[in-house]
C-alpha atoms as a PDB file:
ATOM      1  CA  MET A   1     -82.818 -84.720  42.413  1.00  0.00           C
ATOM      2  CA  ARG A   2     -79.118 -84.289  43.115  1.00  0.00           C
ATOM      3  CA  GLU A   3     -78.514 -88.057  43.100  1.00  0.00           C
ATOM      4  CA  SER A   4     -80.347 -88.420  39.778  1.00  0.00           C
ATOM      5  CA  GLY A   5     -78.237 -85.619  38.299  1.00  0.00           C
ATOM      6  CA  VAL A   6     -74.987 -87.253  39.392  1.00  0.00           C
ATOM      7  CA  LEU A   7     -76.205 -90.583  38.024  1.00  0.00           C
ATOM      8  CA  ALA A   8     -76.987 -88.962  34.659  1.00  0.00           C
ATOM      9  CA  PHE A   9     -73.471 -87.497  34.485  1.00  0.00           C
ATOM     10  CA  VAL A  10     -71.849 -90.816  35.401  1.00  0.00           C
ATOM     11  CA  ILE A  11     -73.881 -92.699  32.799  1.00  0.00           C
ATOM     12  CA  THR A  12     -72.998 -90.098  30.158  1.00  0.00           C
ATOM     13  CA  VAL A  13     -69.274 -90.358  30.885  1.00  0.00           C
ATOM     14  CA  LEU A  14     -69.293 -94.185  30.941  1.00  0.00           C
ATOM     15  CA  VAL A  15     -71.264 -94.505  27.711  1.00  0.00           C
ATOM     16  CA  LEU A  16     -69.100 -91.873  26.059  1.00  0.00           C
ATOM     17  CA  GLY A  17     -65.880 -93.597  27.126  1.00  0.00           C
ATOM     18  CA  ALA A  18     -67.085 -96.994  25.957  1.00  0.00           C
ATOM     19  CA  THR A  19     -68.178 -95.547  22.617  1.00  0.00           C
ATOM     20  CA  VAL A  20     -64.839 -93.844  21.986  1.00  0.00           C
ATOM     21  CA  MET A  21     -62.807 -96.920  22.946  1.00  0.00           C
ATOM     22  CA  THR A  22     -64.969 -99.154  20.750  1.00  0.00           C
ATOM     23  CA  ALA A  23     -64.734 -96.768  17.802  1.00  0.00           C
ATOM     24  CA  ARG A  24     -60.950 -96.560  18.039  1.00  0.00           C
ATOM     25  CA  SER A  25     -60.694-100.323  17.666  1.00  0.00           C
ATOM     26  CA  MET A  26     -63.044-100.419  14.685  1.00  0.00           C
ATOM     27  CA  VAL A  27     -62.688 -99.200  11.137  1.00  0.00           C
ATOM     28  CA  MET A  28     -65.811 -97.304  10.120  1.00  0.00           C
ATOM     29  CA  ALA A  29     -65.258 -95.919   6.666  1.00  0.00           C
ATOM     30  CA  GLY A  30     -67.942 -93.449   5.734  1.00  0.00           C
ATOM     31  CA  SER A  31     -69.139 -91.872   2.529  1.00  0.00           C
ATOM     32  CA  THR A  32     -70.012 -88.420   1.293  1.00  0.00           C
ATOM     33  CA  GLN A  33     -73.702 -89.338   1.286  1.00  0.00           C
ATOM     34  CA  LEU A  34     -73.545 -90.525   4.898  1.00  0.00           C
ATOM     35  CA  HIS A  35     -71.742 -87.357   5.919  1.00  0.00           C
ATOM     36  CA  THR A  36     -74.341 -85.178   4.192  1.00  0.00           C
ATOM     37  CA  ALA A  37     -77.162 -87.081   5.897  1.00  0.00           C
ATOM     38  CA  MET A  38     -75.569 -86.726   9.363  1.00  0.00           C
ATOM     39  CA  GLU A  39     -74.997 -83.004   8.887  1.00  0.00           C
ATOM     40  CA  ALA A  40     -78.571 -82.513   7.662  1.00  0.00           C
ATOM     41  CA  ILE A  41     -79.845 -84.237  10.809  1.00  0.00           C
ATOM     42  CA  ALA A  42     -77.535 -82.118  12.979  1.00  0.00           C
ATOM     43  CA  ALA A  43     -78.661 -78.889  11.289  1.00  0.00           C
ATOM     44  CA  THR A  44     -82.331 -79.819  11.805  1.00  0.00           C
ATOM     45  CA  LEU A  45     -81.790 -80.616  15.490  1.00  0.00           C
ATOM     46  CA  ALA A  46     -79.848 -77.373  15.985  1.00  0.00           C
ATOM     47  CA  PHE A  47     -82.645 -75.382  14.341  1.00  0.00           C
ATOM     48  CA  ILE A  48     -85.307 -76.990  16.546  1.00  0.00           C
ATOM     49  CA  ALA A  49     -83.158 -76.421  19.638  1.00  0.00           C
ATOM     50  CA  GLY A  50     -82.809 -72.763  18.649  1.00  0.00           C
ATOM     51  CA  VAL A  51     -86.576 -72.348  18.260  1.00  0.00           C
ATOM     52  CA  VAL A  52     -87.384 -74.060  21.570  1.00  0.00           C
ATOM     53  CA  SER A  53     -84.686 -72.084  23.396  1.00  0.00           C
ATOM     54  CA  LEU A  54     -86.048 -68.768  22.122  1.00  0.00           C
ATOM     55  CA  VAL A  55     -89.571 -69.825  23.144  1.00  0.00           C
ATOM     56  CA  ARG A  56     -88.165 -70.519  26.609  1.00  0.00           C
ATOM     57  CA  HIS A  57     -86.521 -67.096  26.538  1.00  0.00           C
ATOM     58  CA  GLN A  58     -89.887 -65.456  25.845  1.00  0.00           C
ATOM     59  CA  THR A  59     -91.466 -67.197  28.837  1.00  0.00           C
ATOM     60  CA  ARG A  60     -88.710 -66.183  31.262  1.00  0.00           C
ATOM     61  CA  ASP A  61     -87.051 -63.178  29.569  1.00  0.00           C
ATOM     62  CA  ASP A  62     -83.704 -64.803  30.331  1.00  0.00           C
ATOM     63  CA  SER A  63     -80.610 -63.789  28.341  1.00  0.00           C
ATOM     64  CA  VAL A  64     -79.138 -67.247  28.998  1.00  0.00           C
ATOM     65  CA  PHE A  65     -81.750 -68.892  26.775  1.00  0.00           C
ATOM     66  CA  LEU A  66     -81.471 -66.044  24.282  1.00  0.00           C
ATOM     67  CA  LEU A  67     -77.754 -66.670  23.754  1.00  0.00           C
ATOM     68  CA  ILE A  68     -78.267 -70.427  23.588  1.00  0.00           C
ATOM     69  CA  GLY A  69     -81.080 -70.000  21.057  1.00  0.00           C
ATOM     70  CA  ALA A  70     -79.100 -67.553  18.901  1.00  0.00           C
ATOM     71  CA  GLY A  71     -76.085 -69.862  19.065  1.00  0.00           C
ATOM     72  CA  PHE A  72     -78.073 -72.879  17.916  1.00  0.00           C
ATOM     73  CA  PHE A  73     -79.701 -70.893  15.110  1.00  0.00           C
ATOM     74  CA  ALA A  74     -76.270 -69.831  13.846  1.00  0.00           C
ATOM     75  CA  THR A  75     -75.024 -73.398  14.271  1.00  0.00           C
ATOM     76  CA  ALA A  76     -77.970 -74.712  12.232  1.00  0.00           C
ATOM     77  CA  VAL A  77     -77.069 -72.342   9.393  1.00  0.00           C
ATOM     78  CA  LEU A  78     -73.382 -73.273   9.513  1.00  0.00           C
ATOM     79  CA  ASP A  79     -74.120 -77.002   9.757  1.00  0.00           C
ATOM     80  CA  GLY A  80     -76.502 -76.731   6.808  1.00  0.00           C
ATOM     81  CA  TYR A  81     -73.888 -74.827   4.828  1.00  0.00           C
ATOM     82  CA  HIS A  82     -71.299 -77.438   5.792  1.00  0.00           C
ATOM     83  CA  ALA A  83     -73.600 -80.208   4.546  1.00  0.00           C
ATOM     84  CA  ILE A  84     -74.267 -78.453   1.233  1.00  0.00           C
ATOM     85  CA  VAL A  85     -70.745 -77.365   0.271  1.00  0.00           C
ATOM     86  CA  THR A  86     -69.220 -80.763   1.091  1.00  0.00           C
ATOM     87  CA  ALA A  87     -71.795 -82.703  -0.925  1.00  0.00           C
ATOM     88  CA  ASP A  88     -70.884 -84.356  -4.221  1.00  0.00           C
ATOM     89  CA  GLY A  89     -70.208 -81.835  -6.959  1.00  0.00           C
ATOM     90  CA  ILE A  90     -70.569 -78.711  -4.802  1.00  0.00           C
ATOM     91  CA  ALA A  91     -67.079 -78.436  -3.299  1.00  0.00           C
ATOM     92  CA  GLN A  92     -65.496 -78.262  -6.766  1.00  0.00           C
ATOM     93  CA  GLN A  93     -67.190 -74.900  -7.317  1.00  0.00           C
ATOM     94  CA  LEU A  94     -65.358 -73.290  -4.365  1.00  0.00           C
ATOM     95  CA  PRO A  95     -61.699 -72.220  -4.140  1.00  0.00           C
ATOM     96  CA  SER A  96     -60.758 -74.719  -1.377  1.00  0.00           C
ATOM     97  CA  THR A  97     -60.162 -78.457  -1.562  1.00  0.00           C
ATOM     98  CA  LEU A  98     -62.854 -80.756  -0.194  1.00  0.00           C
ATOM     99  CA  SER A  99     -60.697 -81.817   2.764  1.00  0.00           C
ATOM    100  CA  SER A 100     -59.936 -78.234   3.798  1.00  0.00           C
ATOM    101  CA  LEU A 101     -63.477 -76.997   3.246  1.00  0.00           C
ATOM    102  CA  ASN A 102     -64.905 -79.923   5.205  1.00  0.00           C
ATOM    103  CA  SER A 103     -62.589 -79.427   8.167  1.00  0.00           C
ATOM    104  CA  TRP A 104     -62.787 -75.651   8.496  1.00  0.00           C
ATOM    105  CA  SER A 105     -66.547 -75.327   7.908  1.00  0.00           C
ATOM    106  CA  TRP A 106     -67.069 -78.008  10.582  1.00  0.00           C
ATOM    107  CA  LEU A 107     -64.811 -76.041  12.923  1.00  0.00           C
ATOM    108  CA  ALA A 108     -66.718 -72.789  12.318  1.00  0.00           C
ATOM    109  CA  SER A 109     -69.941 -74.405  13.508  1.00  0.00           C
ATOM    110  CA  ARG A 110     -68.309 -75.861  16.610  1.00  0.00           C
ATOM    111  CA  LEU A 111     -66.549 -72.611  17.492  1.00  0.00           C
ATOM    112  CA  CYS A 112     -69.735 -70.561  17.104  1.00  0.00           C
ATOM    113  CA  LEU A 113     -71.729 -72.854  19.388  1.00  0.00           C
ATOM    114  CA  SER A 114     -68.977 -73.151  22.001  1.00  0.00           C
ATOM    115  CA  ILE A 115     -68.606 -69.363  22.274  1.00  0.00           C
ATOM    116  CA  CYS A 116     -72.369 -68.822  22.567  1.00  0.00           C
ATOM    117  CA  LEU A 117     -72.683 -71.469  25.283  1.00  0.00           C
ATOM    118  CA  TYR A 118     -69.797 -69.902  27.192  1.00  0.00           C
ATOM    119  CA  LEU A 119     -71.402 -66.455  26.819  1.00  0.00           C
ATOM    120  CA  SER A 120     -74.692 -67.886  28.095  1.00  0.00           C
ATOM    121  CA  TRP A 121     -72.941 -68.889  31.310  1.00  0.00           C
ATOM    122  CA  LEU A 122     -71.357 -65.426  31.553  1.00  0.00           C
ATOM    123  CA  ALA A 123     -74.843 -63.901  31.169  1.00  0.00           C
ATOM    124  CA  TRP A 124     -75.948 -65.908  34.212  1.00  0.00           C
ATOM    125  CA  ASN A 125     -72.765 -65.179  36.153  1.00  0.00           C
ATOM    126  CA  GLU A 126     -72.930 -61.437  35.419  1.00  0.00           C
ATOM    127  CA  PRO A 127     -76.675 -60.722  35.121  1.00  0.00           C
ATOM    128  CA  ASP A 128     -76.309 -56.924  35.136  1.00  0.00           C
ATOM    129  CA  ARG A 129     -74.049 -57.038  32.086  1.00  0.00           C
ATOM    130  CA  GLY A 130     -76.337 -59.569  30.411  1.00  0.00           C
ATOM    131  CA  ARG A 131     -79.399 -57.342  30.888  1.00  0.00           C
ATOM    132  CA  SER A 132     -77.513 -54.336  29.496  1.00  0.00           C
ATOM    133  CA  ILE A 133     -77.228 -56.024  26.073  1.00  0.00           C
ATOM    134  CA  SER A 134     -80.441 -55.879  24.068  1.00  0.00           C
ATOM    135  CA  ASP A 135     -81.881 -58.807  22.162  1.00  0.00           C
ATOM    136  CA  ALA A 136     -81.351 -56.973  18.872  1.00  0.00           C
ATOM    137  CA  LYS A 137     -77.617 -56.591  19.547  1.00  0.00           C
ATOM    138  CA  ILE A 138     -77.253 -60.298  20.234  1.00  0.00           C
ATOM    139  CA  TYR A 139     -79.149 -61.238  17.069  1.00  0.00           C
ATOM    140  CA  LEU A 140     -77.151 -58.740  15.023  1.00  0.00           C
ATOM    141  CA  GLY A 141     -73.797 -59.858  16.415  1.00  0.00           C
ATOM    142  CA  VAL A 142     -74.384 -63.587  15.969  1.00  0.00           C
ATOM    143  CA  GLY A 143     -75.978 -63.081  12.545  1.00  0.00           C
ATOM    144  CA  SER A 144     -73.107 -60.896  11.312  1.00  0.00           C
ATOM    145  CA  LEU A 145     -70.487 -63.435  12.386  1.00  0.00           C
ATOM    146  CA  THR A 146     -72.427 -66.233  10.714  1.00  0.00           C
ATOM    147  CA  LEU A 147     -72.740 -64.315   7.448  1.00  0.00           C
ATOM    148  CA  ALA A 148     -69.048 -63.366   7.545  1.00  0.00           C
ATOM    149  CA  SER A 149     -68.133 -67.044   7.992  1.00  0.00           C
ATOM    150  CA  LEU A 150     -70.227 -68.085   4.998  1.00  0.00           C
ATOM    151  CA  LEU A 151     -68.679 -65.417   2.769  1.00  0.00           C
ATOM    152  CA  PHE A 152     -65.188 -66.299   4.003  1.00  0.00           C
ATOM    153  CA  PHE A 153     -65.543 -69.951   3.027  1.00  0.00           C
ATOM    154  CA  ALA A 154     -66.967 -68.976  -0.355  1.00  0.00           C
ATOM    155  CA  VAL A 155     -64.099 -66.731  -1.491  1.00  0.00           C
ATOM    156  CA  VAL A 156     -60.944 -67.601   0.500  1.00  0.00           C
ATOM    157  CA  PRO A 157     -58.738 -70.615  -0.361  1.00  0.00           C
ATOM    158  CA  LEU A 158     -58.297 -72.565   2.878  1.00  0.00           C
ATOM    159  CA  PRO A 159     -55.162 -74.423   3.994  1.00  0.00           C
ATOM    160  CA  SER A 160     -55.250 -78.027   5.154  1.00  0.00           C
ATOM    161  CA  ALA A 161     -56.508 -78.547   8.710  1.00  0.00           C
ATOM    162  CA  TYR A 162     -54.594 -81.833   9.070  1.00  0.00           C
ATOM    163  CA  VAL A 163     -51.098 -82.165  10.516  1.00  0.00           C
ATOM    164  CA  PRO A 164     -50.171 -85.804   9.748  1.00  0.00           C
ATOM    165  CA  ASN A 165     -46.954 -85.873  11.813  1.00  0.00           C
ATOM    166  CA  TRP A 166     -48.594 -84.718  15.039  1.00  0.00           C
ATOM    167  CA  VAL A 167     -50.313 -86.900  17.614  1.00  0.00           C
ATOM    168  CA  LEU A 168     -53.390 -84.711  17.219  1.00  0.00           C
ATOM    169  CA  HIS A 169     -53.977 -84.630  13.486  1.00  0.00           C
ATOM    170  CA  ARG A 170     -56.479 -81.782  13.738  1.00  0.00           C
ATOM    171  CA  PRO A 171     -55.074 -79.462  16.454  1.00  0.00           C
ATOM    172  CA  ALA A 172     -57.474 -76.620  15.580  1.00  0.00           C
ATOM    173  CA  GLU A 173     -60.262 -78.678  17.176  1.00  0.00           C
ATOM    174  CA  LEU A 174     -58.833 -77.715  20.567  1.00  0.00           C
ATOM    175  CA  LEU A 175     -59.963 -74.091  20.107  1.00  0.00           C
ATOM    176  CA  PRO A 176     -63.702 -74.770  20.511  1.00  0.00           C
ATOM    177  CA  ALA A 177     -62.742 -77.346  23.154  1.00  0.00           C
ATOM    178  CA  ILE A 178     -61.488 -74.466  25.317  1.00  0.00           C
ATOM    179  CA  PHE A 179     -64.845 -72.660  25.254  1.00  0.00           C
ATOM    180  CA  PHE A 180     -66.825 -75.893  25.692  1.00  0.00           C
ATOM    181  CA  THR A 181     -64.680 -76.719  28.730  1.00  0.00           C
ATOM    182  CA  LEU A 182     -65.124 -73.252  30.233  1.00  0.00           C
ATOM    183  CA  ALA A 183     -68.891 -73.507  29.737  1.00  0.00           C
ATOM    184  CA  LEU A 184     -68.903 -77.009  31.277  1.00  0.00           C
ATOM    185  CA  ILE A 185     -66.995 -75.882  34.367  1.00  0.00           C
ATOM    186  CA  GLY A 186     -69.194 -72.800  34.700  1.00  0.00           C
ATOM    187  CA  TYR A 187     -72.478 -74.712  34.568  1.00  0.00           C
ATOM    188  CA  ILE A 188     -71.185 -77.335  37.007  1.00  0.00           C
ATOM    189  CA  VAL A 189     -70.155 -74.611  39.468  1.00  0.00           C
ATOM    190  CA  LYS A 190     -73.525 -72.920  38.906  1.00  0.00           C
ATOM    191  CA  ALA A 191     -75.018 -76.021  40.589  1.00  0.00           C
ATOM    192  CA  ASP A 192     -78.544 -75.516  39.230  1.00  0.00           C
ATOM    193  CA  TRP A 193     -78.240 -79.010  37.731  1.00  0.00           C
ATOM    194  CA  ARG A 194     -79.342 -80.367  41.131  1.00  0.00           C
ATOM    195  CA  THR A 195     -82.881 -79.127  40.510  1.00  0.00           C
ATOM    196  CA  ASP A 196     -82.998 -77.909  36.901  1.00  0.00           C
ATOM    197  CA  VAL A 197     -83.461 -80.547  34.199  1.00  0.00           C
ATOM    198  CA  PHE A 198     -82.166 -78.232  31.470  1.00  0.00           C
ATOM    199  CA  ASP A 199     -78.868 -77.520  33.224  1.00  0.00           C
ATOM    200  CA  ARG A 200     -78.459 -81.247  33.863  1.00  0.00           C
ATOM    201  CA  MET A 201     -78.947 -82.139  30.194  1.00  0.00           C
ATOM    202  CA  LEU A 202     -76.809 -79.204  29.047  1.00  0.00           C
ATOM    203  CA  ILE A 203     -73.914 -80.397  31.205  1.00  0.00           C
ATOM    204  CA  CYS A 204     -74.258 -83.905  29.727  1.00  0.00           C
ATOM    205  CA  SER A 205     -74.179 -82.322  26.259  1.00  0.00           C
ATOM    206  CA  LEU A 206     -71.078 -80.326  27.165  1.00  0.00           C
ATOM    207  CA  PHE A 207     -69.384 -83.508  28.411  1.00  0.00           C
ATOM    208  CA  VAL A 208     -69.988 -85.026  24.988  1.00  0.00           C
ATOM    209  CA  ALA A 209     -68.803 -81.875  23.197  1.00  0.00           C
ATOM    210  CA  VAL A 210     -65.578 -81.636  25.199  1.00  0.00           C
ATOM    211  CA  ALA A 211     -64.760 -85.309  24.611  1.00  0.00           C
ATOM    212  CA  MET A 212     -65.543 -84.909  20.918  1.00  0.00           C
ATOM    213  CA  GLN A 213     -63.263 -81.885  20.535  1.00  0.00           C
ATOM    214  CA  ILE A 214     -60.367 -83.272  22.594  1.00  0.00           C
ATOM    215  CA  VAL A 215     -60.412 -87.038  22.108  1.00  0.00           C
ATOM    216  CA  VAL A 216     -62.326 -87.811  18.914  1.00  0.00           C
ATOM    217  CA  MET A 217     -61.975 -85.226  16.150  1.00  0.00           C
ATOM    218  CA  PRO A 218     -58.277 -84.372  16.746  1.00  0.00           C
ATOM    219  CA  LEU A 219     -57.457 -88.063  16.184  1.00  0.00           C
ATOM    220  CA  SER A 220     -59.159 -88.125  12.784  1.00  0.00           C
ATOM    221  CA  SER A 221     -56.377 -88.574  10.233  1.00  0.00           C
ATOM    222  CA  GLN A 222     -58.574 -87.917   7.182  1.00  0.00           C
ATOM    223  CA  ILE A 223     -62.127 -87.076   6.282  1.00  0.00           C
ATOM    224  CA  LEU A 224     -64.664 -89.915   6.402  1.00  0.00           C
ATOM    225  CA  ASP A 225     -62.531 -92.138   8.654  1.00  0.00           C
ATOM    226  CA  GLY A 226     -63.845 -93.808  11.822  1.00  0.00           C
ATOM    227  CA  MET A 227     -63.145 -90.972  14.266  1.00  0.00           C
ATOM    228  CA  PHE A 228     -64.529 -88.464  11.775  1.00  0.00           C
ATOM    229  CA  ASN A 229     -67.839 -90.354  11.592  1.00  0.00           C
ATOM    230  CA  LEU A 230     -67.926 -90.844  15.367  1.00  0.00           C
ATOM    231  CA  GLY A 231     -67.455 -87.114  15.868  1.00  0.00           C
ATOM    232  CA  HIS A 232     -70.481 -86.372  13.703  1.00  0.00           C
ATOM    233  CA  LEU A 233     -72.594 -88.929  15.578  1.00  0.00           C
ATOM    234  CA  LEU A 234     -71.543 -87.423  18.904  1.00  0.00           C
ATOM    235  CA  LYS A 235     -72.478 -83.978  17.643  1.00  0.00           C
ATOM    236  CA  ILE A 236     -75.985 -85.235  16.885  1.00  0.00           C
ATOM    237  CA  ALA A 237     -76.110 -86.786  20.367  1.00  0.00           C
ATOM    238  CA  SER A 238     -75.037 -83.524  22.016  1.00  0.00           C
ATOM    239  CA  TYR A 239     -77.725 -81.555  20.157  1.00  0.00           C
ATOM    240  CA  THR A 240     -80.324 -84.157  21.140  1.00  0.00           C
ATOM    241  CA  LEU A 241     -79.372 -83.825  24.813  1.00  0.00           C
ATOM    242  CA  VAL A 242     -79.798 -80.045  24.728  1.00  0.00           C
ATOM    243  CA  LEU A 243     -83.117 -80.348  22.909  1.00  0.00           C
ATOM    244  CA  GLY A 244     -84.328 -82.883  25.471  1.00  0.00           C
ATOM    245  CA  GLY A 245     -83.318 -80.537  28.281  1.00  0.00           C
ATOM    246  CA  LEU A 246     -85.173 -77.616  26.674  1.00  0.00           C
ATOM    247  CA  ILE A 247     -88.332 -79.660  26.222  1.00  0.00           C
ATOM    248  CA  GLY A 248     -88.070 -80.878  29.815  1.00  0.00           C
ATOM    249  CA  SER A 249     -87.579 -77.312  31.030  1.00  0.00           C
ATOM    250  CA  ILE A 250     -90.667 -76.080  29.186  1.00  0.00           C
ATOM    251  CA  SER A 251     -92.646 -79.045  30.490  1.00  0.00           C
ATOM    252  CA  CYS A 252     -91.587 -78.197  34.050  1.00  0.00           C
ATOM    253  CA  ALA A 253     -92.550 -74.564  33.466  1.00  0.00           C
ATOM    254  CA  PHE A 254     -96.026 -75.577  32.291  1.00  0.00           C
ATOM    255  CA  SER A 255     -96.349 -77.880  35.310  1.00  0.00           C
ATOM    256  CA  ASP A 256     -95.410 -74.995  37.612  1.00  0.00           C
ATOM    257  CA  VAL A 257     -98.004 -72.778  35.950  1.00  0.00           C
ATOM    258  CA  ARG A 258    -100.637 -75.504  36.316  1.00  0.00           C
ATOM    259  CA  ARG A 259     -99.797 -76.006  39.992  1.00  0.00           C
ATOM    260  CA  LEU A 260     -99.917 -72.255  40.518  1.00  0.00           C
ATOM    261  CA  GLY A 261    -103.340 -72.137  38.865  1.00  0.00           C
ATOM    262  CA  GLU A 262    -104.548 -74.961  41.093  1.00  0.00           C
ATOM    263  CA  LYS A 263    -103.275 -73.115  44.168  1.00  0.00           C
ATOM    264  CA  GLN A 264    -105.017 -69.951  43.009  1.00  0.00           C
ATOM    265  CA  ASP A 265    -108.269 -71.859  42.503  1.00  0.00           C
ATOM    266  CA  ALA A 266    -107.984 -73.351  45.989  1.00  0.00           C
ATOM    267  CA  THR A 267    -107.256 -69.919  47.450  1.00  0.00           C
ATOM    268  CA  ILE A 268    -110.260 -68.422  45.644  1.00  0.00           C
ATOM    269  CA  GLN A 269    -112.475 -71.174  47.025  1.00  0.00           C
ATOM    270  CA  GLN A 270    -111.157 -70.558  50.539  1.00  0.00           C
ATOM    271  CA  LEU A 271    -111.791 -66.839  50.161  1.00  0.00           C
ATOM    272  CA  ALA A 272    -115.313 -67.534  48.928  1.00  0.00           C
ATOM    273  CA  VAL A 273    -116.021 -69.702  51.978  1.00  0.00           C
ATOM    274  CA  ALA A 274    -114.524 -67.064  54.273  1.00  0.00           C
ATOM    275  CA  ASN A 275    -116.598 -64.377  52.533  1.00  0.00           C
ATOM    276  CA  GLU A 276    -119.795 -66.389  53.044  1.00  0.00           C
ATOM    277  CA  GLY A 277    -118.961 -66.780  56.729  1.00  0.00           C
ATOM    278  CA  LEU A 278    -118.299 -63.056  57.000  1.00  0.00           C
ATOM    279  CA  GLU A 279    -121.609 -62.225  55.342  1.00  0.00           C
ATOM    280  CA  ALA A 280    -123.442 -64.613  57.723  1.00  0.00           C
ATOM    281  CA  PHE A 281    -121.730 -62.952  60.676  1.00  0.00           C
ATOM    282  CA  VAL A 282    -122.733 -59.515  59.423  1.00  0.00           C
ATOM    283  CA  ARG A 283    -126.386 -60.600  58.962  1.00  0.00           C
ATOM    284  CA  SER A 284    -126.463 -62.160  62.416  1.00  0.00           C
ATOM    285  CA  SER A 285    -124.855 -59.114  64.029  1.00  0.00           C
ATOM    286  CA  SER A 286    -127.262 -56.803  62.230  1.00  0.00           C
ATOM    287  CA  HIS A 287    -130.228 -58.812  63.412  1.00  0.00           C
ATOM    288  CA  ASP A 288    -128.938 -58.925  66.983  1.00  0.00           C
ATOM    289  CA  LEU A 289    -128.397 -55.172  67.084  1.00  0.00           C
ATOM    290  CA  LYS A 290    -131.854 -54.219  65.825  1.00  0.00           C
ATOM    291  CA  ALA A 291    -133.668 -54.791  69.155  1.00  0.00           C
ATOM    292  CA  PRO A 292    -131.226 -52.723  71.310  1.00  0.00           C
ATOM    293  CA  LEU A 293    -131.272 -49.964  68.744  1.00  0.00           C
ATOM    294  CA  ARG A 294    -135.096 -49.874  68.838  1.00  0.00           C
ATOM    295  CA  HIS A 295    -134.992 -49.583  72.651  1.00  0.00           C
ATOM    296  CA  VAL A 296    -132.434 -46.764  72.461  1.00  0.00           C
ATOM    297  CA  SER A 297    -134.531 -44.993  69.823  1.00  0.00           C
ATOM    298  CA  SER A 298    -137.700 -45.395  71.930  1.00  0.00           C
ATOM    299  CA  PHE A 299    -135.940 -44.147  75.076  1.00  0.00           C
ATOM    300  CA  CYS A 300    -134.564 -41.143  73.195  1.00  0.00           C
ATOM    301  CA  GLY A 301    -138.064 -40.382  71.833  1.00  0.00           C
END
């Protein structure tokens, strides 16, 4: 299992590096319609990942999956909002320019998810503190921040997120990169990836997220350019990896339950056989003791 995990990480890094290098040498001009479609796909995947993660939380009562599920739910809302407000004709109704609204609403989604993933590792690393926070508080906190972000984008004029004269044209992308990196290091040190399919897929997803926030999106010089489109594709890939890990984790849990049921059935059968042997021994012993007891009773009489 450990060798397969290392192989998965190596393949992820190699494919990611080749994709980034290829994209940098190609011009991939996008369109508003393509961007809206990619964000709609990302929002759908994030929503499904949130649902599956919360189902996993209910089966294990684990605050790690609770934080991941809440984070993906909030991310689905923010990605959906990002897709809607940057569509044709919608951005003109808000106080910010399309470029600024596109950049900052994208960043809000990435920052929300990165913080929740980092907090999920902290919940594992400090289980006593994680158990002290109720589910309702987590839902309320994540929901309040999401709602505040939506209202902020709707009423506040946003500055440009691009700095043309810098090497990194979008330096704000490094902020979620910090939390993604901390979560990546934490889950690698956790070392459950050697046996846990979810941790293995989550680490692969975090690899993609870190590369996207450090190498890809900061090099985007304007919306809808090649690196911009690649960043959105990588986001979809990272969500897909997490969703695959969650489905694999639930599948493993069901397999464990099935194996446990089979072991219980085998144990019950063994107990039934042992019980039959015990009953036969009791009947034989009872029969063997009847004659001596009759002699003792006759002698006493």
